[in-house]
Amino acid sequence: MTTTTTMTTSRIIYQSESGGVAVIVPTGSVELALKDVPPGVPYEIVDAANIPSDRTFRNAWVIGMDGCVEHDLDQCRAIGHDKRRAARTEAFAPFDEIIAKQIPGADALAAEAARAEIRDKYALIQDAINVSETPNEIKSALEDA
């Protein structure tokens, strides 16, 4: 007789081809949910508590030696820098428009001074990301963005 395990706190995890860790949440037995794992792909059955609740750096998740989901710090930094660049681009936008379009009545010197302040601010955030030792430190650095 085959027994099936129904554990609402169990999750099936495997390394995704596109980066990060895929998480399957079984709606019934874990055994039935295994059909959703791609053929030939190694997987782990873990407790939900072993999966980070913060999804900020989900694309940097890797399966650790103990089957827990961990963060690849270099990937976290890369994601942090992408978020920093996007925020900086958004902050530059109104001043870029003034300078590029040479809008009459707009002070191009003031716009360039504002851009310099933005560059300085985001350079500090970049430095903070580069020296961060944990995903939480990277996240804290991005709070200033």
C-alpha atoms as a PDB file:
ATOM      1  CA  MET A   1       0.000   0.000   0.000  1.00  0.00           C
ATOM      2  CA  THR A   2       1.360   3.401  -1.001  1.00  0.00           C
ATOM      3  CA  THR A   3       0.972   6.264   1.414  1.00  0.00           C
ATOM      4  CA  THR A   4       0.810   9.875   0.411  1.00  0.00           C
ATOM      5  CA  THR A   5       2.004  12.696   2.552  1.00  0.00           C
ATOM      6  CA  THR A   6      -0.167  15.746   2.990  1.00  0.00           C
ATOM      7  CA  MET A   7       1.850  18.478   4.641  1.00  0.00           C
ATOM      8  CA  THR A   8       0.644  22.008   4.150  1.00  0.00           C
ATOM      9  CA  THR A   9       4.005  23.422   5.240  1.00  0.00           C
ATOM     10  CA  SER A  10       6.025  21.403   2.710  1.00  0.00           C
ATOM     11  CA  ARG A  11       7.354  23.032  -0.418  1.00  0.00           C
ATOM     12  CA  ILE A  12       9.145  21.572  -3.411  1.00  0.00           C
ATOM     13  CA  ILE A  13      12.066  23.662  -4.607  1.00  0.00           C
ATOM     14  CA  TYR A  14      14.399  23.384  -7.564  1.00  0.00           C
ATOM     15  CA  GLN A  15      16.899  25.648  -9.285  1.00  0.00           C
ATOM     16  CA  SER A  16      15.194  27.437 -12.153  1.00  0.00           C
ATOM     17  CA  GLU A  17      16.832  27.673 -15.582  1.00  0.00           C
ATOM     18  CA  SER A  18      16.083  31.402 -15.679  1.00  0.00           C
ATOM     19  CA  GLY A  19      17.710  32.063 -12.301  1.00  0.00           C
ATOM     20  CA  GLY A  20      16.438  31.864  -8.800  1.00  0.00           C
ATOM     21  CA  VAL A  21      14.606  29.008  -7.168  1.00  0.00           C
ATOM     22  CA  ALA A  22      11.239  27.707  -8.304  1.00  0.00           C
ATOM     23  CA  VAL A  23       8.865  26.991  -5.421  1.00  0.00           C
ATOM     24  CA  ILE A  24       5.943  24.611  -5.755  1.00  0.00           C
ATOM     25  CA  VAL A  25       3.250  24.822  -3.098  1.00  0.00           C
ATOM     26  CA  PRO A  26       1.405  21.500  -3.047  1.00  0.00           C
ATOM     27  CA  THR A  27      -2.365  21.768  -2.833  1.00  0.00           C
ATOM     28  CA  GLY A  28      -2.673  18.095  -1.951  1.00  0.00           C
ATOM     29  CA  SER A  29       0.015  15.544  -1.350  1.00  0.00           C
ATOM     30  CA  VAL A  30       3.650  16.381  -1.981  1.00  0.00           C
ATOM     31  CA  GLU A  31       3.972  13.257  -4.124  1.00  0.00           C
ATOM     32  CA  LEU A  32       1.226  14.464  -6.472  1.00  0.00           C
ATOM     33  CA  ALA A  33       2.884  17.872  -6.776  1.00  0.00           C
ATOM     34  CA  LEU A  34       6.186  16.301  -7.885  1.00  0.00           C
ATOM     35  CA  LYS A  35       4.693  15.955 -11.376  1.00  0.00           C
ATOM     36  CA  ASP A  36       5.238  19.714 -11.731  1.00  0.00           C
ATOM     37  CA  VAL A  37       9.029  19.420 -11.374  1.00  0.00           C
ATOM     38  CA  PRO A  38      10.654  19.337 -14.831  1.00  0.00           C
ATOM     39  CA  PRO A  39      11.974  15.872 -15.713  1.00  0.00           C
ATOM     40  CA  GLY A  40      15.562  15.268 -14.674  1.00  0.00           C
ATOM     41  CA  VAL A  41      15.804  18.397 -12.526  1.00  0.00           C
ATOM     42  CA  PRO A  42      17.047  17.844  -8.964  1.00  0.00           C
ATOM     43  CA  TYR A  43      14.643  19.032  -6.298  1.00  0.00           C
ATOM     44  CA  GLU A  44      14.292  19.232  -2.538  1.00  0.00           C
ATOM     45  CA  ILE A  45      11.235  18.925  -0.313  1.00  0.00           C
ATOM     46  CA  VAL A  46      11.580  21.527   2.434  1.00  0.00           C
ATOM     47  CA  ASP A  47       9.558  23.175   5.126  1.00  0.00           C
ATOM     48  CA  ALA A  48       8.084  26.544   4.141  1.00  0.00           C
ATOM     49  CA  ALA A  49      10.121  28.128   6.946  1.00  0.00           C
ATOM     50  CA  ASN A  50      13.280  27.416   4.893  1.00  0.00           C
ATOM     51  CA  ILE A  51      12.123  29.789   2.155  1.00  0.00           C
ATOM     52  CA  PRO A  52      12.712  33.536   2.631  1.00  0.00           C
ATOM     53  CA  SER A  53       9.532  35.548   3.072  1.00  0.00           C
ATOM     54  CA  ASP A  54      11.170  38.648   1.564  1.00  0.00           C
ATOM     55  CA  ARG A  55      11.049  38.356  -2.228  1.00  0.00           C
ATOM     56  CA  THR A  56      13.232  41.419  -2.981  1.00  0.00           C
ATOM     57  CA  PHE A  57      16.127  39.309  -4.226  1.00  0.00           C
ATOM     58  CA  ARG A  58      14.198  36.232  -5.355  1.00  0.00           C
ATOM     59  CA  ASN A  59      16.137  35.994  -8.625  1.00  0.00           C
ATOM     60  CA  ALA A  60      19.293  35.595  -6.514  1.00  0.00           C
ATOM     61  CA  TRP A  61      17.980  32.589  -4.594  1.00  0.00           C
ATOM     62  CA  VAL A  62      19.992  29.371  -4.709  1.00  0.00           C
ATOM     63  CA  ILE A  63      19.502  26.025  -3.028  1.00  0.00           C
ATOM     64  CA  GLY A  64      22.105  25.659  -0.302  1.00  0.00           C
ATOM     65  CA  MET A  65      23.896  22.501   0.732  1.00  0.00           C
ATOM     66  CA  ASP A  66      21.371  21.908   3.517  1.00  0.00           C
ATOM     67  CA  GLY A  67      18.363  22.269   1.197  1.00  0.00           C
ATOM     68  CA  CYS A  68      17.507  25.745   2.478  1.00  0.00           C
ATOM     69  CA  VAL A  69      17.022  28.634   0.112  1.00  0.00           C
ATOM     70  CA  GLU A  70      19.954  31.024   0.355  1.00  0.00           C
ATOM     71  CA  HIS A  71      20.988  34.220  -1.434  1.00  0.00           C
ATOM     72  CA  ASP A  72      23.815  34.492  -3.944  1.00  0.00           C
ATOM     73  CA  LEU A  73      25.294  37.766  -2.654  1.00  0.00           C
ATOM     74  CA  ASP A  74      26.849  38.734  -6.001  1.00  0.00           C
ATOM     75  CA  GLN A  75      23.455  38.311  -7.671  1.00  0.00           C
ATOM     76  CA  CYS A  76      21.823  40.345  -4.880  1.00  0.00           C
ATOM     77  CA  ARG A  77      24.314  43.137  -5.546  1.00  0.00           C
ATOM     78  CA  ALA A  78      23.584  42.978  -9.292  1.00  0.00           C
ATOM     79  CA  ILE A  79      19.841  43.234  -8.602  1.00  0.00           C
ATOM     80  CA  GLY A  80      20.506  46.079  -6.171  1.00  0.00           C
ATOM     81  CA  HIS A  81      22.533  47.957  -8.780  1.00  0.00           C
ATOM     82  CA  ASP A  82      19.747  47.480 -11.355  1.00  0.00           C
ATOM     83  CA  LYS A  83      17.244  48.941  -8.883  1.00  0.00           C
ATOM     84  CA  ARG A  84      19.670  51.795  -8.082  1.00  0.00           C
ATOM     85  CA  ARG A  85      20.158  52.611 -11.777  1.00  0.00           C
ATOM     86  CA  ALA A  86      16.400  52.627 -12.398  1.00  0.00           C
ATOM     87  CA  ALA A  87      15.804  54.978  -9.459  1.00  0.00           C
ATOM     88  CA  ARG A  88      18.653  57.260 -10.587  1.00  0.00           C
ATOM     89  CA  THR A  89      17.264  57.395 -14.130  1.00  0.00           C
ATOM     90  CA  GLU A  90      13.866  58.373 -12.748  1.00  0.00           C
ATOM     91  CA  ALA A  91      15.450  61.074 -10.568  1.00  0.00           C
ATOM     92  CA  PHE A  92      17.419  62.453 -13.544  1.00  0.00           C
ATOM     93  CA  ALA A  93      14.422  62.571 -15.917  1.00  0.00           C
ATOM     94  CA  PRO A  94      13.026  66.053 -15.211  1.00  0.00           C
ATOM     95  CA  PHE A  95      16.496  67.616 -15.302  1.00  0.00           C
ATOM     96  CA  ASP A  96      17.555  65.699 -18.420  1.00  0.00           C
ATOM     97  CA  GLU A  97      14.526  67.135 -20.187  1.00  0.00           C
ATOM     98  CA  ILE A  98      15.444  70.708 -19.232  1.00  0.00           C
ATOM     99  CA  ILE A  99      19.007  70.265 -20.453  1.00  0.00           C
ATOM    100  CA  ALA A 100      18.204  68.282 -23.602  1.00  0.00           C
ATOM    101  CA  LYS A 101      15.312  70.461 -24.753  1.00  0.00           C
ATOM    102  CA  GLN A 102      16.817  73.736 -23.541  1.00  0.00           C
ATOM    103  CA  ILE A 103      13.397  74.775 -22.298  1.00  0.00           C
ATOM    104  CA  PRO A 104      13.067  78.575 -22.271  1.00  0.00           C
ATOM    105  CA  GLY A 105      12.820  80.026 -18.788  1.00  0.00           C
ATOM    106  CA  ALA A 106      14.322  76.894 -17.252  1.00  0.00           C
ATOM    107  CA  ASP A 107      17.651  77.302 -15.577  1.00  0.00           C
ATOM    108  CA  ALA A 108      20.051  74.806 -17.184  1.00  0.00           C
ATOM    109  CA  LEU A 109      22.709  75.570 -14.560  1.00  0.00           C
ATOM    110  CA  ALA A 110      20.294  74.760 -11.744  1.00  0.00           C
ATOM    111  CA  ALA A 111      19.286  71.570 -13.558  1.00  0.00           C
ATOM    112  CA  GLU A 112      22.917  70.534 -13.913  1.00  0.00           C
ATOM    113  CA  ALA A 113      23.534  71.274 -10.225  1.00  0.00           C
ATOM    114  CA  ALA A 114      20.558  69.086  -9.324  1.00  0.00           C
ATOM    115  CA  ARG A 115      21.942  66.333 -11.560  1.00  0.00           C
ATOM    116  CA  ALA A 116      25.295  66.574  -9.746  1.00  0.00           C
ATOM    117  CA  GLU A 117      23.525  66.110  -6.393  1.00  0.00           C
ATOM    118  CA  ILE A 118      21.701  63.086  -7.779  1.00  0.00           C
ATOM    119  CA  ARG A 119      24.978  61.609  -9.084  1.00  0.00           C
ATOM    120  CA  ASP A 120      26.598  62.068  -5.665  1.00  0.00           C
ATOM    121  CA  LYS A 121      23.634  60.505  -3.850  1.00  0.00           C
ATOM    122  CA  TYR A 122      23.581  57.438  -6.085  1.00  0.00           C
ATOM    123  CA  ALA A 123      27.373  57.070  -5.978  1.00  0.00           C
ATOM    124  CA  LEU A 124      27.074  56.701  -2.195  1.00  0.00           C
ATOM    125  CA  ILE A 125      24.328  54.104  -2.640  1.00  0.00           C
ATOM    126  CA  GLN A 126      26.516  52.260  -5.149  1.00  0.00           C
ATOM    127  CA  ASP A 127      29.393  52.187  -2.661  1.00  0.00           C
ATOM    128  CA  ALA A 128      27.075  50.924   0.090  1.00  0.00           C
ATOM    129  CA  ILE A 129      25.820  48.101  -2.139  1.00  0.00           C
ATOM    130  CA  ASN A 130      29.375  47.136  -3.090  1.00  0.00           C
ATOM    131  CA  VAL A 131      30.457  46.668   0.540  1.00  0.00           C
ATOM    132  CA  SER A 132      27.237  45.032   1.737  1.00  0.00           C
ATOM    133  CA  GLU A 133      27.664  41.630   3.343  1.00  0.00           C
ATOM    134  CA  THR A 134      23.985  40.619   3.442  1.00  0.00           C
ATOM    135  CA  PRO A 135      20.862  41.070   1.314  1.00  0.00           C
ATOM    136  CA  ASN A 136      19.375  43.171   4.156  1.00  0.00           C
ATOM    137  CA  GLU A 137      22.308  45.608   3.962  1.00  0.00           C
ATOM    138  CA  ILE A 138      21.732  45.956   0.207  1.00  0.00           C
ATOM    139  CA  LYS A 139      18.023  46.520   0.810  1.00  0.00           C
ATOM    140  CA  SER A 140      18.831  49.179   3.433  1.00  0.00           C
ATOM    141  CA  ALA A 141      21.155  50.952   1.001  1.00  0.00           C
ATOM    142  CA  LEU A 142      18.348  51.027  -1.576  1.00  0.00           C
ATOM    143  CA  GLU A 143      15.956  52.674   0.884  1.00  0.00           C
ATOM    144  CA  ASP A 144      17.819  55.931   0.246  1.00  0.00           C
ATOM    145  CA  ALA A 145      17.135  55.660  -3.495  1.00  0.00           C
END
